[in-house]
C-alpha atoms as a PDB file:
ATOM      1  CA  UNK A   1      49.698 -15.416 -25.481  1.00  0.00           C
ATOM      2  CA  UNK A   2      50.581 -15.414 -21.804  1.00  0.00           C
ATOM      3  CA  UNK A   3      47.605 -16.345 -19.629  1.00  0.00           C
ATOM      4  CA  UNK A   4      48.671 -13.946 -16.886  1.00  0.00           C
ATOM      5  CA  UNK A   5      48.826 -10.949 -19.176  1.00  0.00           C
ATOM      6  CA  UNK A   6      47.141  -7.885 -17.668  1.00  0.00           C
ATOM      7  CA  UNK A   7      45.651  -4.720 -19.075  1.00  0.00           C
ATOM      8  CA  UNK A   8      46.177  -1.392 -17.321  1.00  0.00           C
ATOM      9  CA  UNK A   9      43.145   0.074 -15.494  1.00  0.00           C
ATOM     10  CA  UNK A  10      40.922  -3.016 -16.153  1.00  0.00           C
ATOM     11  CA  UNK A  11      39.576  -5.488 -13.600  1.00  0.00           C
ATOM     12  CA  UNK A  12      40.975  -8.999 -13.601  1.00  0.00           C
ATOM     13  CA  UNK A  13      37.682 -10.477 -14.726  1.00  0.00           C
ATOM     14  CA  UNK A  14      37.772  -8.444 -17.910  1.00  0.00           C
ATOM     15  CA  UNK A  15      41.337  -9.583 -18.558  1.00  0.00           C
ATOM     16  CA  UNK A  16      40.024 -13.115 -18.714  1.00  0.00           C
ATOM     17  CA  UNK A  17      37.262 -12.067 -21.125  1.00  0.00           C
ATOM     18  CA  UNK A  18      39.752 -10.481 -23.502  1.00  0.00           C
ATOM     19  CA  UNK A  19      41.885 -13.577 -23.275  1.00  0.00           C
ATOM     20  CA  UNK A  20      38.882 -15.630 -24.308  1.00  0.00           C
ATOM     21  CA  UNK A  21      38.183 -13.394 -27.282  1.00  0.00           C
ATOM     22  CA  UNK A  22      41.728 -13.821 -28.526  1.00  0.00           C
ATOM     23  CA  UNK A  23      41.482 -17.578 -28.186  1.00  0.00           C
ATOM     24  CA  UNK A  24      38.270 -17.564 -30.218  1.00  0.00           C
ATOM     25  CA  UNK A  25      39.932 -15.579 -33.046  1.00  0.00           C
ATOM     26  CA  UNK A  26      42.816 -18.005 -33.091  1.00  0.00           C
ATOM     27  CA  UNK A  27      40.428 -20.954 -33.169  1.00  0.00           C
ATOM     28  CA  UNK A  28      38.589 -19.621 -36.209  1.00  0.00           C
ATOM     29  CA  UNK A  29      41.868 -19.331 -38.078  1.00  0.00           C
ATOM     30  CA  UNK A  30      42.760 -22.915 -37.125  1.00  0.00           C
ATOM     31  CA  UNK A  31      39.206 -24.295 -37.752  1.00  0.00           C
ATOM     32  CA  UNK A  32      38.934 -25.499 -34.149  1.00  0.00           C
ATOM     33  CA  UNK A  33      36.422 -24.878 -31.338  1.00  0.00           C
ATOM     34  CA  UNK A  34      37.527 -22.370 -28.666  1.00  0.00           C
ATOM     35  CA  UNK A  35      38.269 -23.821 -25.255  1.00  0.00           C
ATOM     36  CA  UNK A  36      37.033 -20.638 -23.517  1.00  0.00           C
ATOM     37  CA  UNK A  37      33.775 -18.896 -24.476  1.00  0.00           C
ATOM     38  CA  UNK A  38      33.918 -15.133 -25.262  1.00  0.00           C
ATOM     39  CA  UNK A  39      32.161 -12.511 -23.150  1.00  0.00           C
ATOM     40  CA  UNK A  40      30.339  -9.346 -24.165  1.00  0.00           C
ATOM     41  CA  UNK A  41      32.428  -7.382 -21.655  1.00  0.00           C
ATOM     42  CA  UNK A  42      35.295  -7.317 -24.150  1.00  0.00           C
ATOM     43  CA  UNK A  43      33.339  -5.015 -26.494  1.00  0.00           C
ATOM     44  CA  UNK A  44      34.071  -2.027 -24.243  1.00  0.00           C
ATOM     45  CA  UNK A  45      37.828  -2.296 -24.913  1.00  0.00           C
ATOM     46  CA  UNK A  46      39.829  -1.140 -27.885  1.00  0.00           C
ATOM     47  CA  UNK A  47      39.894  -3.928 -30.417  1.00  0.00           C
ATOM     48  CA  UNK A  48      43.002  -4.856 -32.458  1.00  0.00           C
ATOM     49  CA  UNK A  49      42.932  -4.451 -36.208  1.00  0.00           C
ATOM     50  CA  UNK A  50      40.760  -7.237 -37.632  1.00  0.00           C
ATOM     51  CA  UNK A  51      42.669 -10.055 -39.212  1.00  0.00           C
ATOM     52  CA  UNK A  52      41.255 -11.173 -42.561  1.00  0.00           C
ATOM     53  CA  UNK A  53      39.486 -14.500 -42.148  1.00  0.00           C
ATOM     54  CA  UNK A  54      40.278 -17.020 -44.875  1.00  0.00           C
ATOM     55  CA  UNK A  55      37.398 -18.567 -46.780  1.00  0.00           C
ATOM     56  CA  UNK A  56      36.597 -21.997 -45.428  1.00  0.00           C
ATOM     57  CA  UNK A  57      37.293 -24.823 -47.807  1.00  0.00           C
ATOM     58  CA  UNK A  58      34.683 -27.483 -48.583  1.00  0.00           C
ATOM     59  CA  UNK A  59      36.657 -29.986 -46.521  1.00  0.00           C
ATOM     60  CA  UNK A  60      36.704 -27.718 -43.451  1.00  0.00           C
ATOM     61  CA  UNK A  61      32.883 -27.373 -43.229  1.00  0.00           C
ATOM     62  CA  UNK A  62      32.244 -30.977 -42.206  1.00  0.00           C
ATOM     63  CA  UNK A  63      34.869 -30.607 -39.506  1.00  0.00           C
ATOM     64  CA  UNK A  64      32.877 -27.809 -37.850  1.00  0.00           C
ATOM     65  CA  UNK A  65      29.584 -29.689 -38.161  1.00  0.00           C
ATOM     66  CA  UNK A  66      31.032 -32.875 -36.722  1.00  0.00           C
ATOM     67  CA  UNK A  67      32.476 -31.039 -33.741  1.00  0.00           C
ATOM     68  CA  UNK A  68      29.034 -29.622 -32.842  1.00  0.00           C
ATOM     69  CA  UNK A  69      27.041 -32.007 -30.610  1.00  0.00           C
ATOM     70  CA  UNK A  70      23.692 -33.129 -32.004  1.00  0.00           C
ATOM     71  CA  UNK A  71      20.580 -33.848 -29.884  1.00  0.00           C
ATOM     72  CA  UNK A  72      19.930 -37.260 -31.452  1.00  0.00           C
ATOM     73  CA  UNK A  73      21.749 -39.352 -28.812  1.00  0.00           C
ATOM     74  CA  UNK A  74      19.711 -37.605 -26.065  1.00  0.00           C
ATOM     75  CA  UNK A  75      16.419 -38.404 -27.810  1.00  0.00           C
ATOM     76  CA  UNK A  76      17.436 -42.018 -28.124  1.00  0.00           C
ATOM     77  CA  UNK A  77      18.248 -42.153 -24.407  1.00  0.00           C
ATOM     78  CA  UNK A  78      14.866 -40.674 -23.535  1.00  0.00           C
ATOM     79  CA  UNK A  79      13.022 -43.155 -25.724  1.00  0.00           C
ATOM     80  CA  UNK A  80      14.620 -46.038 -23.837  1.00  0.00           C
ATOM     81  CA  UNK A  81      12.876 -44.908 -20.606  1.00  0.00           C
ATOM     82  CA  UNK A  82       9.361 -44.653 -22.067  1.00  0.00           C
ATOM     83  CA  UNK A  83       8.369 -48.346 -21.836  1.00  0.00           C
ATOM     84  CA  UNK A  84       8.530 -48.200 -18.003  1.00  0.00           C
ATOM     85  CA  UNK A  85       5.585 -45.767 -17.764  1.00  0.00           C
ATOM     86  CA  UNK A  86       2.731 -47.997 -19.003  1.00  0.00           C
ATOM     87  CA  UNK A  87       4.088 -50.949 -17.021  1.00  0.00           C
ATOM     88  CA  UNK A  88       3.789 -49.004 -13.757  1.00  0.00           C
ATOM     89  CA  UNK A  89       0.301 -47.839 -14.662  1.00  0.00           C
ATOM     90  CA  UNK A  90      -0.987 -51.329 -15.421  1.00  0.00           C
ATOM     91  CA  UNK A  91       0.467 -52.686 -12.189  1.00  0.00           C
ATOM     92  CA  UNK A  92      -1.258 -49.951 -10.192  1.00  0.00           C
ATOM     93  CA  UNK A  93      -4.649 -50.863 -11.625  1.00  0.00           C
ATOM     94  CA  UNK A  94      -4.520 -54.345 -10.106  1.00  0.00           C
ATOM     95  CA  UNK A  95      -3.673 -53.133  -6.620  1.00  0.00           C
ATOM     96  CA  UNK A  96      -5.648 -51.438  -3.881  1.00  0.00           C
ATOM     97  CA  UNK A  97      -6.061 -47.747  -4.652  1.00  0.00           C
ATOM     98  CA  UNK A  98      -3.105 -45.680  -3.460  1.00  0.00           C
ATOM     99  CA  UNK A  99      -5.463 -42.836  -2.609  1.00  0.00           C
ATOM    100  CA  UNK A 100      -7.737 -43.467   0.377  1.00  0.00           C
ATOM    101  CA  UNK A 101     -11.309 -43.851  -0.798  1.00  0.00           C
ATOM    102  CA  UNK A 102     -14.259 -42.345   1.032  1.00  0.00           C
ATOM    103  CA  UNK A 103     -17.030 -44.599   2.302  1.00  0.00           C
ATOM    104  CA  UNK A 104     -19.251 -43.492  -0.587  1.00  0.00           C
ATOM    105  CA  UNK A 105     -16.516 -44.414  -3.064  1.00  0.00           C
ATOM    106  CA  UNK A 106     -16.057 -47.804  -1.410  1.00  0.00           C
ATOM    107  CA  UNK A 107     -19.783 -48.487  -1.735  1.00  0.00           C
ATOM    108  CA  UNK A 108     -19.588 -47.725  -5.454  1.00  0.00           C
ATOM    109  CA  UNK A 109     -16.428 -49.775  -5.989  1.00  0.00           C
ATOM    110  CA  UNK A 110     -17.625 -52.804  -3.967  1.00  0.00           C
ATOM    111  CA  UNK A 111     -21.420 -52.861  -4.475  1.00  0.00           C
ATOM    112  CA  UNK A 112     -21.753 -56.570  -3.673  1.00  0.00           C
ATOM    113  CA  UNK A 113     -19.891 -56.230  -0.366  1.00  0.00           C
ATOM    114  CA  UNK A 114     -20.866 -52.815   1.004  1.00  0.00           C
ATOM    115  CA  UNK A 115     -24.526 -51.839   1.483  1.00  0.00           C
ATOM    116  CA  UNK A 116     -26.196 -48.669   2.742  1.00  0.00           C
ATOM    117  CA  UNK A 117     -29.804 -49.400   1.816  1.00  0.00           C
ATOM    118  CA  UNK A 118     -32.149 -51.811   0.105  1.00  0.00           C
ATOM    119  CA  UNK A 119     -34.190 -51.484  -3.054  1.00  0.00           C
ATOM    120  CA  UNK A 120     -36.129 -48.264  -3.532  1.00  0.00           C
ATOM    121  CA  UNK A 121     -38.780 -50.169  -5.488  1.00  0.00           C
ATOM    122  CA  UNK A 122     -40.490 -51.500  -2.353  1.00  0.00           C
ATOM    123  CA  UNK A 123     -41.779 -49.586   0.661  1.00  0.00           C
ATOM    124  CA  UNK A 124     -39.771 -51.623   3.125  1.00  0.00           C
ATOM    125  CA  UNK A 125     -37.439 -50.393   5.865  1.00  0.00           C
ATOM    126  CA  UNK A 126     -35.161 -52.057   8.406  1.00  0.00           C
ATOM    127  CA  UNK A 127     -34.656 -50.926  12.000  1.00  0.00           C
ATOM    128  CA  UNK A 128     -31.138 -51.592  13.293  1.00  0.00           C
ATOM    129  CA  UNK A 129     -29.699 -51.211  16.801  1.00  0.00           C
ATOM    130  CA  UNK A 130     -25.971 -50.975  17.609  1.00  0.00           C
ATOM    131  CA  UNK A 131     -23.628 -51.342  20.598  1.00  0.00           C
ATOM    132  CA  UNK A 132     -25.641 -53.829  22.646  1.00  0.00           C
ATOM    133  CA  UNK A 133     -26.460 -55.845  24.446  1.00  0.00           C
ATOM    134  CA  UNK A 134     -26.617 -54.176  27.830  1.00  0.00           C
ATOM    135  CA  UNK A 135     -28.781 -54.519  30.922  1.00  0.00           C
ATOM    136  CA  UNK A 136     -30.163 -50.958  30.867  1.00  0.00           C
ATOM    137  CA  UNK A 137     -31.688 -50.319  27.452  1.00  0.00           C
ATOM    138  CA  UNK A 138     -31.590 -53.527  25.395  1.00  0.00           C
ATOM    139  CA  UNK A 139     -34.437 -55.159  27.388  1.00  0.00           C
ATOM    140  CA  UNK A 140     -36.585 -52.028  26.941  1.00  0.00           C
ATOM    141  CA  UNK A 141     -35.880 -51.901  23.199  1.00  0.00           C
ATOM    142  CA  UNK A 142     -36.892 -55.559  22.910  1.00  0.00           C
ATOM    143  CA  UNK A 143     -40.071 -54.911  24.892  1.00  0.00           C
ATOM    144  CA  UNK A 144     -41.053 -52.031  22.586  1.00  0.00           C
ATOM    145  CA  UNK A 145     -40.411 -54.059  19.439  1.00  0.00           C
ATOM    146  CA  UNK A 146     -42.389 -56.994  20.802  1.00  0.00           C
ATOM    147  CA  UNK A 147     -45.315 -54.755  21.709  1.00  0.00           C
ATOM    148  CA  UNK A 148     -45.399 -53.440  18.128  1.00  0.00           C
ATOM    149  CA  UNK A 149     -44.751 -56.844  16.518  1.00  0.00           C
ATOM    150  CA  UNK A 150     -41.692 -55.694  14.568  1.00  0.00           C
ATOM    151  CA  UNK A 151     -38.475 -57.624  13.970  1.00  0.00           C
ATOM    152  CA  UNK A 152     -35.176 -55.741  13.852  1.00  0.00           C
ATOM    153  CA  UNK A 153     -31.456 -56.340  13.344  1.00  0.00           C
ATOM    154  CA  UNK A 154     -29.020 -55.979  16.263  1.00  0.00           C
ATOM    155  CA  UNK A 155     -25.320 -55.358  15.614  1.00  0.00           C
ATOM    156  CA  UNK A 156     -23.638 -56.593  18.793  1.00  0.00           C
ATOM    157  CA  UNK A 157     -20.216 -56.051  20.326  1.00  0.00           C
ATOM    158  CA  UNK A 158     -18.327 -59.219  21.211  1.00  0.00           C
ATOM    159  CA  UNK A 159     -17.327 -57.850  24.613  1.00  0.00           C
ATOM    160  CA  UNK A 160     -20.945 -56.995  25.461  1.00  0.00           C
ATOM    161  CA  UNK A 161     -22.214 -60.347  24.211  1.00  0.00           C
ATOM    162  CA  UNK A 162     -19.719 -62.034  26.519  1.00  0.00           C
ATOM    163  CA  UNK A 163     -20.980 -59.950  29.418  1.00  0.00           C
ATOM    164  CA  UNK A 164     -24.707 -60.460  28.680  1.00  0.00           C
ATOM    165  CA  UNK A 165     -25.146 -63.884  27.048  1.00  0.00           C
ATOM    166  CA  UNK A 166     -28.771 -64.269  28.186  1.00  0.00           C
ATOM    167  CA  UNK A 167     -29.704 -61.037  26.425  1.00  0.00           C
ATOM    168  CA  UNK A 168     -28.126 -62.323  23.197  1.00  0.00           C
ATOM    169  CA  UNK A 169     -30.226 -65.465  23.433  1.00  0.00           C
ATOM    170  CA  UNK A 170     -33.366 -63.420  24.058  1.00  0.00           C
ATOM    171  CA  UNK A 171     -32.741 -61.317  20.932  1.00  0.00           C
ATOM    172  CA  UNK A 172     -32.609 -64.456  18.812  1.00  0.00           C
ATOM    173  CA  UNK A 173     -35.520 -66.149  20.584  1.00  0.00           C
ATOM    174  CA  UNK A 174     -37.786 -63.194  19.811  1.00  0.00           C
ATOM    175  CA  UNK A 175     -37.062 -63.441  16.087  1.00  0.00           C
ATOM    176  CA  UNK A 176     -34.499 -60.717  15.558  1.00  0.00           C
ATOM    177  CA  UNK A 177     -31.306 -60.999  13.501  1.00  0.00           C
ATOM    178  CA  UNK A 178     -27.808 -60.490  14.877  1.00  0.00           C
ATOM    179  CA  UNK A 179     -24.822 -58.904  13.145  1.00  0.00           C
ATOM    180  CA  UNK A 180     -21.152 -58.410  14.045  1.00  0.00           C
ATOM    181  CA  UNK A 181     -20.177 -54.950  15.358  1.00  0.00           C
ATOM    182  CA  UNK A 182     -16.541 -55.797  16.271  1.00  0.00           C
ATOM    183  CA  UNK A 183     -15.344 -56.875  19.700  1.00  0.00           C
ATOM    184  CA  UNK A 184     -14.516 -53.598  21.456  1.00  0.00           C
ATOM    185  CA  UNK A 185     -15.952 -50.858  19.206  1.00  0.00           C
ATOM    186  CA  UNK A 186     -12.508 -50.115  17.786  1.00  0.00           C
ATOM    187  CA  UNK A 187     -11.839 -47.593  15.035  1.00  0.00           C
ATOM    188  CA  UNK A 188     -11.044 -50.277  12.467  1.00  0.00           C
ATOM    189  CA  UNK A 189      -9.115 -48.246   9.834  1.00  0.00           C
ATOM    190  CA  UNK A 190      -6.490 -47.447  12.480  1.00  0.00           C
ATOM    191  CA  UNK A 191      -5.814 -51.117  13.198  1.00  0.00           C
ATOM    192  CA  UNK A 192      -3.271 -53.427  11.618  1.00  0.00           C
ATOM    193  CA  UNK A 193      -4.606 -56.219   9.424  1.00  0.00           C
ATOM    194  CA  UNK A 194      -4.132 -58.792  12.197  1.00  0.00           C
ATOM    195  CA  UNK A 195      -5.899 -56.697  14.826  1.00  0.00           C
ATOM    196  CA  UNK A 196      -8.752 -55.924  12.449  1.00  0.00           C
ATOM    197  CA  UNK A 197      -9.271 -59.622  11.736  1.00  0.00           C
ATOM    198  CA  UNK A 198      -9.149 -60.388  15.447  1.00  0.00           C
ATOM    199  CA  UNK A 199     -11.941 -57.864  16.128  1.00  0.00           C
ATOM    200  CA  UNK A 200     -14.212 -59.620  13.638  1.00  0.00           C
ATOM    201  CA  UNK A 201     -13.272 -63.234  14.295  1.00  0.00           C
ATOM    202  CA  UNK A 202     -13.310 -62.951  18.101  1.00  0.00           C
ATOM    203  CA  UNK A 203     -16.836 -61.552  17.999  1.00  0.00           C
ATOM    204  CA  UNK A 204     -17.894 -64.221  15.544  1.00  0.00           C
ATOM    205  CA  UNK A 205     -16.636 -66.913  17.899  1.00  0.00           C
ATOM    206  CA  UNK A 206     -18.580 -65.486  20.839  1.00  0.00           C
ATOM    207  CA  UNK A 207     -21.802 -65.099  18.858  1.00  0.00           C
ATOM    208  CA  UNK A 208     -21.608 -68.488  17.183  1.00  0.00           C
ATOM    209  CA  UNK A 209     -21.307 -70.185  20.566  1.00  0.00           C
ATOM    210  CA  UNK A 210     -24.408 -68.338  21.801  1.00  0.00           C
ATOM    211  CA  UNK A 211     -26.740 -68.368  18.788  1.00  0.00           C
ATOM    212  CA  UNK A 212     -25.539 -71.311  16.720  1.00  0.00           C
ATOM    213  CA  UNK A 213     -24.471 -69.475  13.567  1.00  0.00           C
ATOM    214  CA  UNK A 214     -21.747 -67.126  12.344  1.00  0.00           C
ATOM    215  CA  UNK A 215     -23.386 -63.823  11.337  1.00  0.00           C
ATOM    216  CA  UNK A 216     -22.854 -62.757   7.753  1.00  0.00           C
ATOM    217  CA  UNK A 217     -23.564 -59.095   8.472  1.00  0.00           C
ATOM    218  CA  UNK A 218     -20.833 -56.757   9.704  1.00  0.00           C
ATOM    219  CA  UNK A 219     -21.273 -53.145  10.731  1.00  0.00           C
ATOM    220  CA  UNK A 220     -17.964 -51.398  11.448  1.00  0.00           C
ATOM    221  CA  UNK A 221     -17.997 -49.046  14.455  1.00  0.00           C
ATOM    222  CA  UNK A 222     -18.603 -45.448  13.355  1.00  0.00           C
ATOM    223  CA  UNK A 223     -19.289 -46.940   9.918  1.00  0.00           C
ATOM    224  CA  UNK A 224     -15.544 -46.628   9.299  1.00  0.00           C
ATOM    225  CA  UNK A 225     -13.527 -49.124   7.274  1.00  0.00           C
ATOM    226  CA  UNK A 226     -10.737 -48.951   4.687  1.00  0.00           C
ATOM    227  CA  UNK A 227     -10.353 -50.601   1.302  1.00  0.00           C
ATOM    228  CA  UNK A 228      -7.972 -53.342   2.398  1.00  0.00           C
ATOM    229  CA  UNK A 229     -10.449 -54.356   5.092  1.00  0.00           C
ATOM    230  CA  UNK A 230     -13.359 -54.308   2.634  1.00  0.00           C
ATOM    231  CA  UNK A 231     -11.452 -56.708   0.396  1.00  0.00           C
ATOM    232  CA  UNK A 232     -10.803 -59.012   3.361  1.00  0.00           C
ATOM    233  CA  UNK A 233     -14.522 -58.937   4.220  1.00  0.00           C
ATOM    234  CA  UNK A 234     -15.393 -59.888   0.647  1.00  0.00           C
ATOM    235  CA  UNK A 235     -12.834 -62.709   0.575  1.00  0.00           C
ATOM    236  CA  UNK A 236     -14.325 -64.163   3.779  1.00  0.00           C
ATOM    237  CA  UNK A 237     -17.941 -63.969   2.575  1.00  0.00           C
ATOM    238  CA  UNK A 238     -19.234 -61.301   4.940  1.00  0.00           C
ATOM    239  CA  UNK A 239     -21.442 -58.350   4.020  1.00  0.00           C
ATOM    240  CA  UNK A 240     -20.862 -54.806   5.311  1.00  0.00           C
ATOM    241  CA  UNK A 241     -24.098 -53.048   6.264  1.00  0.00           C
ATOM    242  CA  UNK A 242     -24.024 -49.373   7.182  1.00  0.00           C
ATOM    243  CA  UNK A 243     -27.090 -47.110   6.997  1.00  0.00           C
ATOM    244  CA  UNK A 244     -28.670 -44.211   5.139  1.00  0.00           C
ATOM    245  CA  UNK A 245     -30.833 -42.888   8.007  1.00  0.00           C
ATOM    246  CA  UNK A 246     -29.118 -41.751  11.214  1.00  0.00           C
ATOM    247  CA  UNK A 247     -31.360 -41.072  14.212  1.00  0.00           C
ATOM    248  CA  UNK A 248     -28.466 -39.450  16.115  1.00  0.00           C
ATOM    249  CA  UNK A 249     -29.894 -41.055  19.250  1.00  0.00           C
ATOM    250  CA  UNK A 250     -26.373 -41.581  20.595  1.00  0.00           C
ATOM    251  CA  UNK A 251     -26.479 -37.882  21.481  1.00  0.00           C
ATOM    252  CA  UNK A 252     -29.083 -38.716  24.158  1.00  0.00           C
ATOM    253  CA  UNK A 253     -31.814 -36.897  22.233  1.00  0.00           C
ATOM    254  CA  UNK A 254     -35.471 -36.755  23.191  1.00  0.00           C
ATOM    255  CA  UNK A 255     -37.972 -39.096  21.556  1.00  0.00           C
ATOM    256  CA  UNK A 256     -39.424 -36.199  19.528  1.00  0.00           C
ATOM    257  CA  UNK A 257     -36.001 -35.268  18.160  1.00  0.00           C
ATOM    258  CA  UNK A 258     -35.223 -38.867  17.254  1.00  0.00           C
ATOM    259  CA  UNK A 259     -38.609 -39.341  15.623  1.00  0.00           C
ATOM    260  CA  UNK A 260     -38.199 -36.165  13.598  1.00  0.00           C
ATOM    261  CA  UNK A 261     -34.683 -37.118  12.445  1.00  0.00           C
ATOM    262  CA  UNK A 262     -35.859 -40.495  11.196  1.00  0.00           C
ATOM    263  CA  UNK A 263     -39.062 -39.342   9.514  1.00  0.00           C
ATOM    264  CA  UNK A 264     -37.252 -36.619   7.561  1.00  0.00           C
ATOM    265  CA  UNK A 265     -34.750 -39.075   6.063  1.00  0.00           C
ATOM    266  CA  UNK A 266     -36.672 -42.307   5.571  1.00  0.00           C
ATOM    267  CA  UNK A 267     -37.373 -43.521   2.039  1.00  0.00           C
ATOM    268  CA  UNK A 268     -38.233 -46.909   0.544  1.00  0.00           C
ATOM    269  CA  UNK A 269     -35.351 -49.286   1.240  1.00  0.00           C
ATOM    270  CA  UNK A 270     -33.937 -47.295   4.157  1.00  0.00           C
ATOM    271  CA  UNK A 271     -31.727 -48.847   6.817  1.00  0.00           C
ATOM    272  CA  UNK A 272     -32.305 -46.895  10.040  1.00  0.00           C
ATOM    273  CA  UNK A 273     -29.564 -46.564  12.662  1.00  0.00           C
ATOM    274  CA  UNK A 274     -30.390 -46.527  16.386  1.00  0.00           C
ATOM    275  CA  UNK A 275     -28.720 -47.908  19.510  1.00  0.00           C
ATOM    276  CA  UNK A 276     -29.638 -50.490  22.151  1.00  0.00           C
ATOM    277  CA  UNK A 277     -26.562 -49.930  24.301  1.00  0.00           C
ATOM    278  CA  UNK A 278     -23.819 -47.410  24.902  1.00  0.00           C
ATOM    279  CA  UNK A 279     -21.564 -45.706  27.401  1.00  0.00           C
ATOM    280  CA  UNK A 280     -22.695 -45.119  30.969  1.00  0.00           C
ATOM    281  CA  UNK A 281     -23.004 -41.410  30.186  1.00  0.00           C
ATOM    282  CA  UNK A 282     -25.465 -42.005  27.348  1.00  0.00           C
ATOM    283  CA  UNK A 283     -29.201 -41.891  27.941  1.00  0.00           C
ATOM    284  CA  UNK A 284     -31.120 -43.900  25.347  1.00  0.00           C
ATOM    285  CA  UNK A 285     -34.518 -43.345  26.933  1.00  0.00           C
ATOM    286  CA  UNK A 286     -35.493 -41.268  23.899  1.00  0.00           C
ATOM    287  CA  UNK A 287     -34.709 -44.221  21.652  1.00  0.00           C
ATOM    288  CA  UNK A 288     -36.982 -46.537  23.615  1.00  0.00           C
ATOM    289  CA  UNK A 289     -39.809 -43.988  23.758  1.00  0.00           C
ATOM    290  CA  UNK A 290     -39.603 -43.234  20.018  1.00  0.00           C
ATOM    291  CA  UNK A 291     -39.981 -46.852  18.848  1.00  0.00           C
ATOM    292  CA  UNK A 292     -43.766 -47.084  19.204  1.00  0.00           C
ATOM    293  CA  UNK A 293     -44.634 -43.737  17.552  1.00  0.00           C
ATOM    294  CA  UNK A 294     -42.067 -44.355  14.793  1.00  0.00           C
ATOM    295  CA  UNK A 295     -43.550 -47.721  13.881  1.00  0.00           C
ATOM    296  CA  UNK A 296     -47.073 -46.278  13.892  1.00  0.00           C
ATOM    297  CA  UNK A 297     -46.158 -43.344  11.644  1.00  0.00           C
ATOM    298  CA  UNK A 298     -44.229 -45.411   9.107  1.00  0.00           C
ATOM    299  CA  UNK A 299     -46.916 -48.081   8.952  1.00  0.00           C
ATOM    300  CA  UNK A 300     -49.496 -45.347   8.374  1.00  0.00           C
ATOM    301  CA  UNK A 301     -47.328 -44.105   5.493  1.00  0.00           C
ATOM    302  CA  UNK A 302     -47.451 -47.556   3.912  1.00  0.00           C
ATOM    303  CA  UNK A 303     -44.113 -48.957   5.068  1.00  0.00           C
ATOM    304  CA  UNK A 304     -43.417 -52.564   6.055  1.00  0.00           C
ATOM    305  CA  UNK A 305     -40.740 -53.443   8.623  1.00  0.00           C
ATOM    306  CA  UNK A 306     -38.260 -56.205   7.783  1.00  0.00           C
ATOM    307  CA  UNK A 307     -34.873 -57.409   8.980  1.00  0.00           C
ATOM    308  CA  UNK A 308     -31.727 -56.466   7.058  1.00  0.00           C
ATOM    309  CA  UNK A 309     -31.350 -59.929   5.444  1.00  0.00           C
ATOM    310  CA  UNK A 310     -34.967 -59.690   4.249  1.00  0.00           C
ATOM    311  CA  UNK A 311     -34.412 -56.176   2.913  1.00  0.00           C
ATOM    312  CA  UNK A 312     -31.219 -57.090   1.043  1.00  0.00           C
ATOM    313  CA  UNK A 313     -32.304 -60.627   0.109  1.00  0.00           C
ATOM    314  CA  UNK A 314     -29.276 -62.263   1.725  1.00  0.00           C
ATOM    315  CA  UNK A 315     -28.739 -64.982   4.319  1.00  0.00           C
ATOM    316  CA  UNK A 316     -28.243 -64.025   7.963  1.00  0.00           C
ATOM    317  CA  UNK A 317     -25.319 -66.433   8.322  1.00  0.00           C
ATOM    318  CA  UNK A 318     -22.177 -66.982   6.262  1.00  0.00           C
END
């Protein structure tokens, strides 16, 4: 059959279909597979007189079966890839989570390294003050605590401690505990590993020179930290201490607003967040004014004030 044979009044595409049908008929007679697949378009044309098809012999049947591809080789190829799946899964379990964990998830995953509160079995609470020391509000906070005979925990910035060393010494002299709040109040999760370590270690160096010990307690600015950093903290024997009561005093609230915020949230074991320093635009007068009434109200409710190490039963130094 000539491949360029044409049929009057039929498109070229249909000529090819008819050609394929003829090849298929020839292949059946010769017990071979057609090299071109037939098309349904050929059914609209006049068909030649059917040629009787000879009965296939027993020997010819295996030939047809053998020429038809079987799926077994494909299944075997797929089975060879399966062992790689569990290997990848087991490796992933030993690494830091690929998905970023929330702070709540980090607390659950690293309970010995990340704390938000103390035991709920005792009516004890801890007052904490961040972002100091400064010359405007830290002295007033210390005066209010001294007047009410309460010890607190101060999370200090390394840069501020450098600028106000006498205030750091006063905090310690009056019986309060000091923690590490980074050097420059950086957003730690956005830092490289080296820069994160520098924020912690630089502050530790400043504080150790002033107070004689390296603080065990770390409070990340904004309470923000990632899993890799938590693991570093654990490896270097620090303890992360965030809070479960936020006074929101950094918004320059009135003493009544601050007092109300704290009283609504406080429970046995609470760690209360306030500030003893901040930006020039912040007014922490409400914080200072709320200290006395807050202590009176919580004492009347049966609470005892302790430092964070006392609340968590840990050492103040590494």
